């Protein structure tokens, strides 16, 4: 029984699915960090200015 559990853990750790999940998770973290940096830059840009409905037009 212990050998079956050990074999399942070995397959889970050394499988391709785990590596793909780690790669996707790393990409998501970098994307969130980039979005956070861009948001902070937008807030610094908007300090002292009035946000209007036309702001989103200039953003895109």
PDB file of N, CA and C in Angstrom:
ATOM      1  N   UNK A   1       0.814  -1.196   0.000  1.00  0.00           N
ATOM      2  CA  UNK A   1       0.000   0.000   0.000  1.00  0.00           C
ATOM      3  C   UNK A   1       0.864   1.268   0.000  1.00  0.00           C
ATOM      4  N   UNK A   2       1.893   1.245   0.808  1.00  0.00           N
ATOM      5  CA  UNK A   2       2.791   2.397   0.867  1.00  0.00           C
ATOM      6  C   UNK A   2       3.499   2.612  -0.469  1.00  0.00           C
ATOM      7  N   UNK A   3       3.821   1.536  -1.156  1.00  0.00           N
ATOM      8  CA  UNK A   3       4.472   1.649  -2.457  1.00  0.00           C
ATOM      9  C   UNK A   3       3.540   2.286  -3.495  1.00  0.00           C
ATOM     10  N   UNK A   4       2.250   2.019  -3.405  1.00  0.00           N
ATOM     11  CA  UNK A   4       1.295   2.649  -4.326  1.00  0.00           C
ATOM     12  C   UNK A   4       1.219   4.148  -4.097  1.00  0.00           C
ATOM     13  N   UNK A   5       1.186   4.541  -2.847  1.00  0.00           N
ATOM     14  CA  UNK A   5       1.140   5.977  -2.524  1.00  0.00           C
ATOM     15  C   UNK A   5       2.424   6.656  -2.977  1.00  0.00           C
ATOM     16  N   UNK A   6       3.552   6.010  -2.728  1.00  0.00           N
ATOM     17  CA  UNK A   6       4.840   6.561  -3.146  1.00  0.00           C
ATOM     18  C   UNK A   6       4.901   6.691  -4.671  1.00  0.00           C
ATOM     19  N   UNK A   7       4.384   5.714  -5.388  1.00  0.00           N
ATOM     20  CA  UNK A   7       4.379   5.758  -6.846  1.00  0.00           C
ATOM     21  C   UNK A   7       3.485   6.881  -7.362  1.00  0.00           C
ATOM     22  N   UNK A   8       2.338   7.087  -6.716  1.00  0.00           N
ATOM     23  CA  UNK A   8       1.457   8.189  -7.126  1.00  0.00           C
ATOM     24  C   UNK A   8       2.106   9.547  -6.899  1.00  0.00           C
ATOM     25  N   UNK A   9       2.786   9.712  -5.774  1.00  0.00           N
ATOM     26  CA  UNK A   9       3.483  10.968  -5.529  1.00  0.00           C
ATOM     27  C   UNK A   9       4.615  11.179  -6.528  1.00  0.00           C
ATOM     28  N   UNK A  10       5.316  10.122  -6.874  1.00  0.00           N
ATOM     29  CA  UNK A  10       6.397  10.224  -7.845  1.00  0.00           C
ATOM     30  C   UNK A  10       5.850  10.658  -9.211  1.00  0.00           C
ATOM     31  N   UNK A  11       4.726  10.064  -9.614  1.00  0.00           N
ATOM     32  CA  UNK A  11       4.128  10.439 -10.895  1.00  0.00           C
ATOM     33  C   UNK A  11       3.643  11.884 -10.870  1.00  0.00           C
ATOM     34  N   UNK A  12       3.097  12.314  -9.749  1.00  0.00           N
ATOM     35  CA  UNK A  12       2.583  13.680  -9.653  1.00  0.00           C
ATOM     36  C   UNK A  12       3.710  14.707  -9.700  1.00  0.00           C
ATOM     37  N   UNK A  13       4.809  14.407  -9.029  1.00  0.00           N
ATOM     38  CA  UNK A  13       5.911  15.365  -8.962  1.00  0.00           C
ATOM     39  C   UNK A  13       6.712  15.388 -10.262  1.00  0.00           C
ATOM     40  N   UNK A  14       6.914  14.248 -10.882  1.00  0.00           N
ATOM     41  CA  UNK A  14       7.745  14.180 -12.080  1.00  0.00           C
ATOM     42  C   UNK A  14       6.943  14.241 -13.376  1.00  0.00           C
ATOM     43  N   UNK A  15       5.678  14.526 -13.286  1.00  0.00           N
ATOM     44  CA  UNK A  15       4.850  14.582 -14.476  1.00  0.00           C
ATOM     45  C   UNK A  15       4.953  15.919 -15.186  1.00  0.00           C
ATOM     46  N   UNK A  16       4.507  15.930 -16.415  1.00  0.00           N
ATOM     47  CA  UNK A  16       4.547  17.133 -17.229  1.00  0.00           C
ATOM     48  C   UNK A  16       3.498  18.151 -16.776  1.00  0.00           C
ATOM     49  N   UNK A  17       2.410  17.678 -16.201  1.00  0.00           N
ATOM     50  CA  UNK A  17       1.326  18.564 -15.785  1.00  0.00           C
ATOM     51  C   UNK A  17       1.794  19.529 -14.708  1.00  0.00           C
ATOM     52  N   UNK A  18       2.566  19.053 -13.747  1.00  0.00           N
ATOM     53  CA  UNK A  18       3.063  19.907 -12.672  1.00  0.00           C
ATOM     54  C   UNK A  18       3.973  20.999 -13.221  1.00  0.00           C
ATOM     55  N   UNK A  19       4.826  20.647 -14.177  1.00  0.00           N
ATOM     56  CA  UNK A  19       5.728  21.637 -14.762  1.00  0.00           C
ATOM     57  C   UNK A  19       4.955  22.689 -15.546  1.00  0.00           C
ATOM     58  N   UNK A  20       3.931  22.278 -16.250  1.00  0.00           N
ATOM     59  CA  UNK A  20       3.100  23.224 -16.998  1.00  0.00           C
ATOM     60  C   UNK A  20       2.364  24.159 -16.038  1.00  0.00           C
ATOM     61  N   UNK A  21       1.858  23.611 -14.948  1.00  0.00           N
ATOM     62  CA  UNK A  21       1.159  24.439 -13.953  1.00  0.00           C
ATOM     63  C   UNK A  21       2.102  25.455 -13.322  1.00  0.00           C
ATOM     64  N   UNK A  22       3.328  25.030 -12.996  1.00  0.00           N
ATOM     65  CA  UNK A  22       4.304  25.971 -12.439  1.00  0.00           C
ATOM     66  C   UNK A  22       4.659  27.054 -13.445  1.00  0.00           C
ATOM     67  N   UNK A  23       4.776  26.701 -14.696  1.00  0.00           N
ATOM     68  CA  UNK A  23       5.079  27.679 -15.731  1.00  0.00           C
ATOM     69  C   UNK A  23       3.940  28.685 -15.881  1.00  0.00           C
ATOM     70  N   UNK A  24       2.716  28.193 -15.885  1.00  0.00           N
ATOM     71  CA  UNK A  24       1.565  29.091 -15.987  1.00  0.00           C
ATOM     72  C   UNK A  24       1.457  29.990 -14.755  1.00  0.00           C
ATOM     73  N   UNK A  25       1.712  29.445 -13.592  1.00  0.00           N
ATOM     74  CA  UNK A  25       1.650  30.227 -12.365  1.00  0.00           C
ATOM     75  C   UNK A  25       2.724  31.321 -12.356  1.00  0.00           C
ATOM     76  N   UNK A  26       3.910  30.999 -12.813  1.00  0.00           N
ATOM     77  CA  UNK A  26       4.984  31.988 -12.892  1.00  0.00           C
ATOM     78  C   UNK A  26       4.632  33.094 -13.875  1.00  0.00           C
ATOM     79  N   UNK A  27       4.086  32.728 -15.013  1.00  0.00           N
ATOM     80  CA  UNK A  27       3.654  33.737 -15.979  1.00  0.00           C
ATOM     81  C   UNK A  27       2.571  34.629 -15.417  1.00  0.00           C
ATOM     82  N   UNK A  28       1.638  34.051 -14.672  1.00  0.00           N
ATOM     83  CA  UNK A  28       0.560  34.834 -14.069  1.00  0.00           C
ATOM     84  C   UNK A  28       1.119  35.824 -13.034  1.00  0.00           C
ATOM     85  N   UNK A  29       2.095  35.391 -12.263  1.00  0.00           N
ATOM     86  CA  UNK A  29       2.697  36.274 -11.254  1.00  0.00           C
ATOM     87  C   UNK A  29       3.395  37.445 -11.935  1.00  0.00           C
ATOM     88  N   UNK A  30       4.149  37.178 -13.008  1.00  0.00           N
ATOM     89  CA  UNK A  30       4.816  38.265 -13.722  1.00  0.00           C
ATOM     90  C   UNK A  30       3.796  39.211 -14.369  1.00  0.00           C
ATOM     91  N   UNK A  31       2.712  38.677 -14.888  1.00  0.00           N
ATOM     92  CA  UNK A  31       1.670  39.507 -15.478  1.00  0.00           C
ATOM     93  C   UNK A  31       1.018  40.395 -14.423  1.00  0.00           C
ATOM     94  N   UNK A  32       0.740  39.858 -13.255  1.00  0.00           N
ATOM     95  CA  UNK A  32       0.155  40.651 -12.170  1.00  0.00           C
ATOM     96  C   UNK A  32       1.120  41.732 -11.698  1.00  0.00           C
ATOM     97  N   UNK A  33       2.401  41.403 -11.616  1.00  0.00           N
ATOM     98  CA  UNK A  33       3.396  42.398 -11.199  1.00  0.00           C
ATOM     99  C   UNK A  33       3.483  43.521 -12.224  1.00  0.00           C
ATOM    100  N   UNK A  34       3.448  43.186 -13.500  1.00  0.00           N
ATOM    101  CA  UNK A  34       3.488  44.207 -14.546  1.00  0.00           C
ATOM    102  C   UNK A  34       2.240  45.088 -14.498  1.00  0.00           C
ATOM    103  N   UNK A  35       1.081  44.471 -14.289  1.00  0.00           N
ATOM    104  CA  UNK A  35      -0.165  45.241 -14.208  1.00  0.00           C
ATOM    105  C   UNK A  35      -0.148  46.151 -12.992  1.00  0.00           C
ATOM    106  N   UNK A  36       0.399  45.680 -11.880  1.00  0.00           N
ATOM    107  CA  UNK A  36       0.488  46.513 -10.676  1.00  0.00           C
ATOM    108  C   UNK A  36       1.394  47.714 -10.929  1.00  0.00           C
ATOM    109  N   UNK A  37       2.511  47.486 -11.611  1.00  0.00           N
ATOM    110  CA  UNK A  37       3.437  48.583 -11.918  1.00  0.00           C
ATOM    111  C   UNK A  37       2.771  49.601 -12.842  1.00  0.00           C
ATOM    112  N   UNK A  38       2.026  49.119 -13.815  1.00  0.00           N
ATOM    113  CA  UNK A  38       1.337  50.022 -14.730  1.00  0.00           C
ATOM    114  C   UNK A  38       0.248  50.811 -14.001  1.00  0.00           C
ATOM    115  N   UNK A  39      -0.433  50.181 -13.066  1.00  0.00           N
ATOM    116  CA  UNK A  39      -1.484  50.859 -12.312  1.00  0.00           C
ATOM    117  C   UNK A  39      -0.896  51.946 -11.431  1.00  0.00           C
ATOM    118  N   UNK A  40       0.243  51.670 -10.807  1.00  0.00           N
ATOM    119  CA  UNK A  40       0.895  52.682  -9.973  1.00  0.00           C
ATOM    120  C   UNK A  40       1.315  53.860 -10.836  1.00  0.00           C
ATOM    121  N   UNK A  41       1.813  53.594 -12.023  1.00  0.00           N
ATOM    122  CA  UNK A  41       2.194  54.668 -12.935  1.00  0.00           C
ATOM    123  C   UNK A  41       0.998  55.498 -13.349  1.00  0.00           C
ATOM    124  N   UNK A  42      -0.154  54.864 -13.543  1.00  0.00           N
ATOM    125  CA  UNK A  42      -1.359  55.614 -13.900  1.00  0.00           C
ATOM    126  C   UNK A  42      -1.802  56.503 -12.741  1.00  0.00           C
ATOM    127  N   UNK A  43      -1.712  55.987 -11.509  1.00  0.00           N
ATOM    128  CA  UNK A  43      -2.117  56.787 -10.362  1.00  0.00           C
ATOM    129  C   UNK A  43      -1.225  58.008 -10.212  1.00  0.00           C
ATOM    130  N   UNK A  44       0.077  57.857 -10.443  1.00  0.00           N
ATOM    131  CA  UNK A  44       0.977  59.003 -10.354  1.00  0.00           C
ATOM    132  C   UNK A  44       0.675  60.011 -11.454  1.00  0.00           C
ATOM    133  N   UNK A  45       0.244  59.528 -12.611  1.00  0.00           N
ATOM    134  CA  UNK A  45      -0.097  60.406 -13.714  1.00  0.00           C
ATOM    135  C   UNK A  45      -1.370  61.196 -13.406  1.00  0.00           C
ATOM    136  N   UNK A  46      -2.302  60.579 -12.703  1.00  0.00           N
ATOM    137  CA  UNK A  46      -3.594  61.207 -12.454  1.00  0.00           C
ATOM    138  C   UNK A  46      -3.613  62.115 -11.226  1.00  0.00           C
ATOM    139  N   UNK A  47      -2.549  62.149 -10.451  1.00  0.00           N
ATOM    140  CA  UNK A  47      -2.525  63.004  -9.268  1.00  0.00           C
ATOM    141  C   UNK A  47      -2.604  64.462  -9.714  1.00  0.00           C
ATOM    142  N   UNK A  48      -3.575  65.157  -9.173  1.00  0.00           N
ATOM    143  CA  UNK A  48      -3.744  66.565  -9.498  1.00  0.00           C
ATOM    144  C   UNK A  48      -4.567  66.807 -10.746  1.00  0.00           C
ATOM    145  N   UNK A  49      -5.035  65.787 -11.415  1.00  0.00           N
ATOM    146  CA  UNK A  49      -5.871  65.976 -12.588  1.00  0.00           C
ATOM    147  C   UNK A  49      -7.262  65.436 -12.295  1.00  0.00           C
ATOM    148  N   UNK A  50      -8.208  65.921 -13.005  1.00  0.00           N
ATOM    149  CA  UNK A  50      -9.576  65.466 -12.825  1.00  0.00           C
ATOM    150  C   UNK A  50      -9.867  64.370 -13.855  1.00  0.00           C
ATOM    151  N   UNK A  51     -10.391  63.271 -13.376  1.00  0.00           N
ATOM    152  CA  UNK A  51     -10.693  62.151 -14.252  1.00  0.00           C
ATOM    153  C   UNK A  51     -12.051  62.391 -14.887  1.00  0.00           C
ATOM    154  N   UNK A  52     -12.083  62.307 -16.190  1.00  0.00           N
ATOM    155  CA  UNK A  52     -13.332  62.521 -16.905  1.00  0.00           C
ATOM    156  C   UNK A  52     -13.722  61.255 -17.649  1.00  0.00           C
ATOM    157  N   UNK A  53     -14.858  61.308 -18.294  1.00  0.00           N
ATOM    158  CA  UNK A  53     -15.320  60.158 -19.074  1.00  0.00           C
ATOM    159  C   UNK A  53     -14.409  59.934 -20.276  1.00  0.00           C
ATOM    160  N   UNK A  54     -13.736  60.974 -20.747  1.00  0.00           N
ATOM    161  CA  UNK A  54     -12.861  60.850 -21.901  1.00  0.00           C
ATOM    162  C   UNK A  54     -11.500  60.238 -21.541  1.00  0.00           C
ATOM    163  N   UNK A  55     -11.253  60.027 -20.258  1.00  0.00           N
ATOM    164  CA  UNK A  55      -9.983  59.442 -19.856  1.00  0.00           C
ATOM    165  C   UNK A  55      -9.798  58.052 -20.460  1.00  0.00           C
ATOM    166  N   UNK A  56     -10.843  57.232 -20.476  1.00  0.00           N
ATOM    167  CA  UNK A  56     -10.717  55.880 -20.993  1.00  0.00           C
ATOM    168  C   UNK A  56     -10.465  55.892 -22.493  1.00  0.00           C
ATOM    169  N   UNK A  57     -10.948  56.896 -23.187  1.00  0.00           N
ATOM    170  CA  UNK A  57     -10.656  56.998 -24.606  1.00  0.00           C
ATOM    171  C   UNK A  57      -9.173  57.254 -24.847  1.00  0.00           C
ATOM    172  N   UNK A  58      -8.568  58.074 -24.004  1.00  0.00           N
ATOM    173  CA  UNK A  58      -7.142  58.341 -24.174  1.00  0.00           C
ATOM    174  C   UNK A  58      -6.301  57.169 -23.670  1.00  0.00           C
ATOM    175  N   UNK A  59      -6.853  56.382 -22.756  1.00  0.00           N
ATOM    176  CA  UNK A  59      -6.119  55.234 -22.239  1.00  0.00           C
ATOM    177  C   UNK A  59      -5.947  54.167 -23.309  1.00  0.00           C
ATOM    178  N   UNK A  60      -6.994  53.913 -24.083  1.00  0.00           N
ATOM    179  CA  UNK A  60      -6.931  52.914 -25.129  1.00  0.00           C
ATOM    180  C   UNK A  60      -6.507  53.575 -26.405  1.00  0.00           C
TER     181      UNK A  60
END
